Structures are given as structure tokens and as C-alpha cells.
Amino acid sequence: MTSRRLLKAAQAIREVVSMAILTELRDPRVKYVTVTKVEVLPDMKQAKVYVTIMGEETQQRLSLRGLQNAAGFLQAKIAERIDTRYTPRLEFLLDEGAKNLQQIDQILRRVLPTDSDTSDEDEELEDAEAEGDADASHFDDEESDEADATNERPDASS
């Protein structure tokens, strides 16, 4: 289980790295980068920084290479702002979560019916239920007539 100390360190590193990328990093290769999460090893000597990069695969690889080249600069920013015994060595990894979500969304759109199809089905269900309610009330009347008839027979025989 990850300790609270490591979670706090990971959060602090994520904030420092994301702000440094956004405001201080001048590498033209690094565009449309979002830091999604950071995992810090228990000895605090290494941190895995997961990023999502918008764009085509070539742009993603180019931005990832720019981030890896800027790792020393970003480590220096971490050392300035976070007081720890060791400054973790940064390793940048592409977070595939957003890509996986897009693929799942596309599959669900193909498999599940569209809104116009479901609204037609909903109307058909409502019509069927309305007819079913009318039929049910008709059956209720018949059952009450039968109950009245059975109640009268015992009285008539006595």
C-alpha cells in the first residue's frame, strides 16, 4: 500500500512539473501536454510521470522526447520547490488511459442504439404499458364479479 507521505510527494511533484511545463518550459516540441499522475518509488529516488499528449502519434513521440530532454530542468524546479533529501529522477511515460477511453467510446457507440432509436422504443413501451393497464383493469372487473358470485353462493345455500 502506498504511504500517505509518498502520495503527498507525488501530488507535489505533479503540481510542480505541470506548472513548469506550462509556464517555464520553452521547448517548441513540447505542446498540448497534460500531466495525469505521478508515481514515486518508496525510496523517493525515482518518479514516473504519466502524461497525455494531444495530437498524432508523431507529435506525441516528439513531445515525449522533448520532455525527456527537459527532465534535468524539471528536476531542478522540483529541488527548488520541494524540500526532500533526494530529488527524484523523472521518467516520462505516455498515459494510454485517454486513448483507451476513446476506443471504448467508439465501441459503445457502434454497439448501443442511438438516442433516436431508443426514443422510438420508449414510445412503443409506453403504448404497450397503457394497453396493458387497460387490459389489467378489465381483468380486475372480471375477478371482482367472480368474487361476488362466489360470495353469494355460500349465502344462498345456507
C-alpha atoms as a PDB file:
ATOM      1  CA  MET A   1       0.000   0.000   0.000  1.00  0.00           C
ATOM      2  CA  THR A   2       1.243   3.469  -0.841  1.00  0.00           C
ATOM      3  CA  SER A   3       2.012   5.574   2.184  1.00  0.00           C
ATOM      4  CA  ARG A   4       0.484   8.968   2.742  1.00  0.00           C
ATOM      5  CA  ARG A   5       3.934  10.543   2.520  1.00  0.00           C
ATOM      6  CA  LEU A   6       4.503   9.125  -0.963  1.00  0.00           C
ATOM      7  CA  LEU A   7       1.061  10.245  -2.128  1.00  0.00           C
ATOM      8  CA  LYS A   8       1.734  13.784  -0.918  1.00  0.00           C
ATOM      9  CA  ALA A   9       5.149  13.800  -2.604  1.00  0.00           C
ATOM     10  CA  ALA A  10       3.633  12.534  -5.858  1.00  0.00           C
ATOM     11  CA  GLN A  11       0.956  15.234  -5.762  1.00  0.00           C
ATOM     12  CA  ALA A  12       3.551  17.950  -5.103  1.00  0.00           C
ATOM     13  CA  ILE A  13       5.760  16.688  -7.941  1.00  0.00           C
ATOM     14  CA  ARG A  14       2.767  16.592 -10.279  1.00  0.00           C
ATOM     15  CA  GLU A  15       1.898  20.203  -9.473  1.00  0.00           C
ATOM     16  CA  VAL A  16       5.468  21.459  -9.883  1.00  0.00           C
ATOM     17  CA  VAL A  17       6.088  19.569 -13.127  1.00  0.00           C
ATOM     18  CA  SER A  18       2.767  20.534 -14.715  1.00  0.00           C
ATOM     19  CA  MET A  19       3.211  24.233 -13.852  1.00  0.00           C
ATOM     20  CA  ALA A  20       6.824  24.223 -15.057  1.00  0.00           C
ATOM     21  CA  ILE A  21       5.797  22.617 -18.360  1.00  0.00           C
ATOM     22  CA  LEU A  22       3.003  25.128 -18.769  1.00  0.00           C
ATOM     23  CA  THR A  23       4.832  28.319 -17.817  1.00  0.00           C
ATOM     24  CA  GLU A  24       8.601  27.842 -17.890  1.00  0.00           C
ATOM     25  CA  LEU A  25       9.471  25.182 -20.448  1.00  0.00           C
ATOM     26  CA  ARG A  26      10.435  26.789 -23.767  1.00  0.00           C
ATOM     27  CA  ASP A  27      10.961  23.650 -25.855  1.00  0.00           C
ATOM     28  CA  PRO A  28       8.866  24.004 -29.046  1.00  0.00           C
ATOM     29  CA  ARG A  29       8.468  20.205 -29.255  1.00  0.00           C
ATOM     30  CA  VAL A  30       6.503  20.104 -26.003  1.00  0.00           C
ATOM     31  CA  LYS A  31       2.916  21.018 -26.907  1.00  0.00           C
ATOM     32  CA  TYR A  32      -0.505  20.007 -25.608  1.00  0.00           C
ATOM     33  CA  VAL A  33       0.887  18.063 -22.645  1.00  0.00           C
ATOM     34  CA  THR A  34      -1.143  17.226 -19.556  1.00  0.00           C
ATOM     35  CA  VAL A  35       0.401  15.551 -16.511  1.00  0.00           C
ATOM     36  CA  THR A  36      -2.147  12.962 -15.395  1.00  0.00           C
ATOM     37  CA  LYS A  37      -0.417  11.257 -12.492  1.00  0.00           C
ATOM     38  CA  VAL A  38       2.922  10.683 -10.794  1.00  0.00           C
ATOM     39  CA  GLU A  39       4.122   7.510  -9.097  1.00  0.00           C
ATOM     40  CA  VAL A  40       7.039   7.831  -6.688  1.00  0.00           C
ATOM     41  CA  LEU A  41       9.158   4.849  -5.680  1.00  0.00           C
ATOM     42  CA  PRO A  42       9.357   4.207  -1.914  1.00  0.00           C
ATOM     43  CA  ASP A  43      12.980   5.376  -1.706  1.00  0.00           C
ATOM     44  CA  MET A  44      11.979   8.717  -3.361  1.00  0.00           C
ATOM     45  CA  LYS A  45      14.838   8.418  -5.857  1.00  0.00           C
ATOM     46  CA  GLN A  46      12.699   7.949  -8.953  1.00  0.00           C
ATOM     47  CA  ALA A  47       9.319   9.193 -10.118  1.00  0.00           C
ATOM     48  CA  LYS A  48       7.261   8.055 -13.088  1.00  0.00           C
ATOM     49  CA  VAL A  49       5.404  10.973 -14.629  1.00  0.00           C
ATOM     50  CA  TYR A  50       2.430   9.925 -16.762  1.00  0.00           C
ATOM     51  CA  VAL A  51       1.378  12.424 -19.435  1.00  0.00           C
ATOM     52  CA  THR A  52      -1.272  12.631 -22.124  1.00  0.00           C
ATOM     53  CA  ILE A  53      -0.375  14.441 -25.304  1.00  0.00           C
ATOM     54  CA  MET A  54      -2.978  15.611 -27.764  1.00  0.00           C
ATOM     55  CA  GLY A  55      -2.211  15.134 -31.429  1.00  0.00           C
ATOM     56  CA  GLU A  56      -0.994  12.484 -33.793  1.00  0.00           C
ATOM     57  CA  GLU A  57       1.422   9.747 -32.805  1.00  0.00           C
ATOM     58  CA  THR A  58       4.407  11.575 -34.315  1.00  0.00           C
ATOM     59  CA  GLN A  59       3.575  14.695 -32.295  1.00  0.00           C
ATOM     60  CA  GLN A  60       3.222  12.555 -29.157  1.00  0.00           C
ATOM     61  CA  ARG A  61       6.626  10.938 -29.662  1.00  0.00           C
ATOM     62  CA  LEU A  62       8.221  14.314 -30.372  1.00  0.00           C
ATOM     63  CA  SER A  63       6.732  15.880 -27.224  1.00  0.00           C
ATOM     64  CA  LEU A  64       7.732  12.870 -25.123  1.00  0.00           C
ATOM     65  CA  ARG A  65      11.319  13.152 -26.358  1.00  0.00           C
ATOM     66  CA  GLY A  66      11.270  16.889 -25.535  1.00  0.00           C
ATOM     67  CA  LEU A  67      10.070  16.110 -22.014  1.00  0.00           C
ATOM     68  CA  GLN A  68      12.791  13.515 -21.525  1.00  0.00           C
ATOM     69  CA  ASN A  69      15.395  16.049 -22.656  1.00  0.00           C
ATOM     70  CA  ALA A  70      13.968  18.617 -20.245  1.00  0.00           C
ATOM     71  CA  ALA A  71      13.961  16.170 -17.305  1.00  0.00           C
ATOM     72  CA  GLY A  72      17.045  17.794 -15.726  1.00  0.00           C
ATOM     73  CA  PHE A  73      15.452  21.248 -15.880  1.00  0.00           C
ATOM     74  CA  LEU A  74      12.240  19.907 -14.345  1.00  0.00           C
ATOM     75  CA  GLN A  75      14.178  18.066 -11.615  1.00  0.00           C
ATOM     76  CA  ALA A  76      15.892  21.363 -10.745  1.00  0.00           C
ATOM     77  CA  LYS A  77      12.451  23.010 -10.410  1.00  0.00           C
ATOM     78  CA  ILE A  78      11.364  20.200  -8.097  1.00  0.00           C
ATOM     79  CA  ALA A  79      14.523  20.650  -5.990  1.00  0.00           C
ATOM     80  CA  GLU A  80      13.811  24.401  -5.684  1.00  0.00           C
ATOM     81  CA  ARG A  81      10.223  23.995  -4.552  1.00  0.00           C
ATOM     82  CA  ILE A  82      10.162  20.719  -2.603  1.00  0.00           C
ATOM     83  CA  ASP A  83      12.470  20.133   0.332  1.00  0.00           C
ATOM     84  CA  THR A  84      13.481  16.464   0.278  1.00  0.00           C
ATOM     85  CA  ARG A  85      16.680  14.558   0.873  1.00  0.00           C
ATOM     86  CA  TYR A  86      16.699  13.249  -2.704  1.00  0.00           C
ATOM     87  CA  THR A  87      15.352  14.877  -5.805  1.00  0.00           C
ATOM     88  CA  PRO A  88      13.641  12.100  -7.723  1.00  0.00           C
ATOM     89  CA  ARG A  89      14.854  11.257 -11.200  1.00  0.00           C
ATOM     90  CA  LEU A  90      11.957  11.800 -13.603  1.00  0.00           C
ATOM     91  CA  GLU A  91      10.842   9.233 -16.138  1.00  0.00           C
ATOM     92  CA  PHE A  92       8.132  10.350 -18.563  1.00  0.00           C
ATOM     93  CA  LEU A  93       5.619   7.794 -19.784  1.00  0.00           C
ATOM     94  CA  LEU A  94       2.697   8.177 -22.138  1.00  0.00           C
ATOM     95  CA  ASP A  95      -0.584   7.566 -20.324  1.00  0.00           C
ATOM     96  CA  GLU A  96      -2.715   5.368 -22.552  1.00  0.00           C
ATOM     97  CA  GLY A  97      -5.867   5.935 -20.486  1.00  0.00           C
ATOM     98  CA  ALA A  98      -7.309   8.655 -22.719  1.00  0.00           C
ATOM     99  CA  LYS A  99      -6.648   6.609 -25.841  1.00  0.00           C
ATOM    100  CA  ASN A 100      -8.322   3.580 -24.270  1.00  0.00           C
ATOM    101  CA  LEU A 101     -11.339   5.703 -23.304  1.00  0.00           C
ATOM    102  CA  GLN A 102     -11.736   6.871 -26.898  1.00  0.00           C
ATOM    103  CA  GLN A 103     -11.617   3.292 -28.163  1.00  0.00           C
ATOM    104  CA  ILE A 104     -14.205   2.179 -25.603  1.00  0.00           C
ATOM    105  CA  ASP A 105     -16.434   5.116 -26.549  1.00  0.00           C
ATOM    106  CA  GLN A 106     -16.246   4.191 -30.246  1.00  0.00           C
ATOM    107  CA  ILE A 107     -17.104   0.565 -29.497  1.00  0.00           C
ATOM    108  CA  LEU A 108     -20.055   1.559 -27.301  1.00  0.00           C
ATOM    109  CA  ARG A 109     -21.372   3.910 -29.977  1.00  0.00           C
ATOM    110  CA  ARG A 110     -21.307   1.058 -32.506  1.00  0.00           C
ATOM    111  CA  VAL A 111     -22.914  -1.461 -30.160  1.00  0.00           C
ATOM    112  CA  LEU A 112     -25.518   0.624 -28.335  1.00  0.00           C
ATOM    113  CA  PRO A 113     -28.507   2.100 -30.180  1.00  0.00           C
ATOM    114  CA  THR A 114     -28.626   5.828 -30.837  1.00  0.00           C
ATOM    115  CA  ASP A 115     -30.918   8.214 -28.963  1.00  0.00           C
ATOM    116  CA  SER A 116     -33.483   8.358 -31.807  1.00  0.00           C
ATOM    117  CA  ASP A 117     -33.785   4.554 -31.755  1.00  0.00           C
ATOM    118  CA  THR A 118     -34.265   4.444 -28.003  1.00  0.00           C
ATOM    119  CA  SER A 119     -36.899   7.197 -28.034  1.00  0.00           C
ATOM    120  CA  ASP A 120     -38.968   5.184 -30.567  1.00  0.00           C
ATOM    121  CA  GLU A 121     -38.622   2.091 -28.379  1.00  0.00           C
ATOM    122  CA  ASP A 122     -39.616   4.086 -25.295  1.00  0.00           C
ATOM    123  CA  GLU A 123     -42.792   5.294 -27.020  1.00  0.00           C
ATOM    124  CA  GLU A 124     -43.657   1.727 -28.039  1.00  0.00           C
ATOM    125  CA  LEU A 125     -43.133   0.540 -24.453  1.00  0.00           C
ATOM    126  CA  GLU A 126     -45.326   3.311 -23.090  1.00  0.00           C
ATOM    127  CA  ASP A 127     -48.098   2.412 -25.571  1.00  0.00           C
ATOM    128  CA  ALA A 128     -47.836  -1.270 -24.634  1.00  0.00           C
ATOM    129  CA  GLU A 129     -47.953  -0.434 -20.932  1.00  0.00           C
ATOM    130  CA  ALA A 130     -51.008   1.768 -21.436  1.00  0.00           C
ATOM    131  CA  GLU A 131     -52.765  -1.054 -23.269  1.00  0.00           C
ATOM    132  CA  GLY A 132     -51.656  -3.486 -20.563  1.00  0.00           C
ATOM    133  CA  ASP A 133     -53.114  -1.249 -17.868  1.00  0.00           C
ATOM    134  CA  ALA A 134     -56.440  -1.125 -19.696  1.00  0.00           C
ATOM    135  CA  ASP A 135     -56.452  -4.904 -20.046  1.00  0.00           C
ATOM    136  CA  ALA A 136     -55.493  -5.287 -16.386  1.00  0.00           C
ATOM    137  CA  SER A 137     -58.397  -3.117 -15.255  1.00  0.00           C
ATOM    138  CA  HIS A 138     -60.706  -5.263 -17.412  1.00  0.00           C
ATOM    139  CA  PHE A 139     -59.388  -8.375 -15.645  1.00  0.00           C
ATOM    140  CA  ASP A 140     -59.860  -6.726 -12.269  1.00  0.00           C
ATOM    141  CA  ASP A 141     -63.547  -6.169 -13.073  1.00  0.00           C
ATOM    142  CA  GLU A 142     -63.990  -9.819 -14.060  1.00  0.00           C
ATOM    143  CA  GLU A 143     -62.243 -11.020 -10.896  1.00  0.00           C
ATOM    144  CA  SER A 144     -64.429  -8.852  -8.672  1.00  0.00           C
ATOM    145  CA  ASP A 145     -67.571 -10.178 -10.442  1.00  0.00           C
ATOM    146  CA  GLU A 146     -66.369 -13.742  -9.835  1.00  0.00           C
ATOM    147  CA  ALA A 147     -65.656 -12.966  -6.199  1.00  0.00           C
ATOM    148  CA  ASP A 148     -69.115 -11.523  -5.781  1.00  0.00           C
ATOM    149  CA  ALA A 149     -70.607 -14.639  -7.376  1.00  0.00           C
ATOM    150  CA  THR A 150     -68.687 -16.977  -5.052  1.00  0.00           C
ATOM    151  CA  ASN A 151     -69.655 -14.928  -2.036  1.00  0.00           C
ATOM    152  CA  GLU A 152     -73.311 -15.145  -2.966  1.00  0.00           C
ATOM    153  CA  ARG A 153     -73.343 -18.949  -3.374  1.00  0.00           C
ATOM    154  CA  PRO A 154     -72.472 -19.821   0.205  1.00  0.00           C
ATOM    155  CA  ASP A 155     -75.071 -17.360   1.435  1.00  0.00           C
ATOM    156  CA  ALA A 156     -77.702 -18.821  -0.875  1.00  0.00           C
ATOM    157  CA  SER A 157     -77.041 -22.412   0.294  1.00  0.00           C
ATOM    158  CA  SER A 158     -77.425 -21.580   3.951  1.00  0.00           C
END
